[in-house]
Amino acid sequence: MRRFTFVELMPDSSLVPVEVAGVPLRQVFERLNERIVALLDRDHQIGHSYFMDVNTLDDLRFAWYHRVVPLLQEYFYNDGERLRAALGDGFVEKVKVEEHTRKALGDLYDDSTPKYEVIKELDGDAFVEALNKILDCCDLALGVRRAH
């Protein structure tokens, strides 16, 4: 006889603040998890606990860059395109490899696979703008942005 049971505890957006410093955090949380489910599965979603103690923009920046981004970098290890699809192009950019580096690497350099990296910690309006981009409907493959 078992002395315990398993209880599934999925992310609960009602426990995430609706808005923090003008950022519609609950919507960002929901949209981010929708993307993660589409790219991976429902078991890899970001939990509500990542944002429960977020009250200020500084709290949000800390949670984003020290909890959310590292987790997604692990989920999408060596797959920058999917990381960009999850976080949005406000947080992930294509890396430009200099011509002299490509020449030095010769056949070892694969220019058919773009390289991406997380943009260094954004501040203030740039951070808020990047978060709001997550709410935009966009086609990352075509670089087309549509309002919803």
Foldseek 3Di string as FASTA:
>chain_A
DDPDDDDDDAADLVLADCDAPRARVSLLLVLLQVLCCVVPRRVLRDHRVLHNPDHYPVSVLCSCVVPVLVSLCVVQPPNLVSSCSNQHPLFKDWDDDDPVRCVVCDPVDDPVDTDMDTDPRDDDPSVSVSSVRSVWDDDVVVRGTDHD
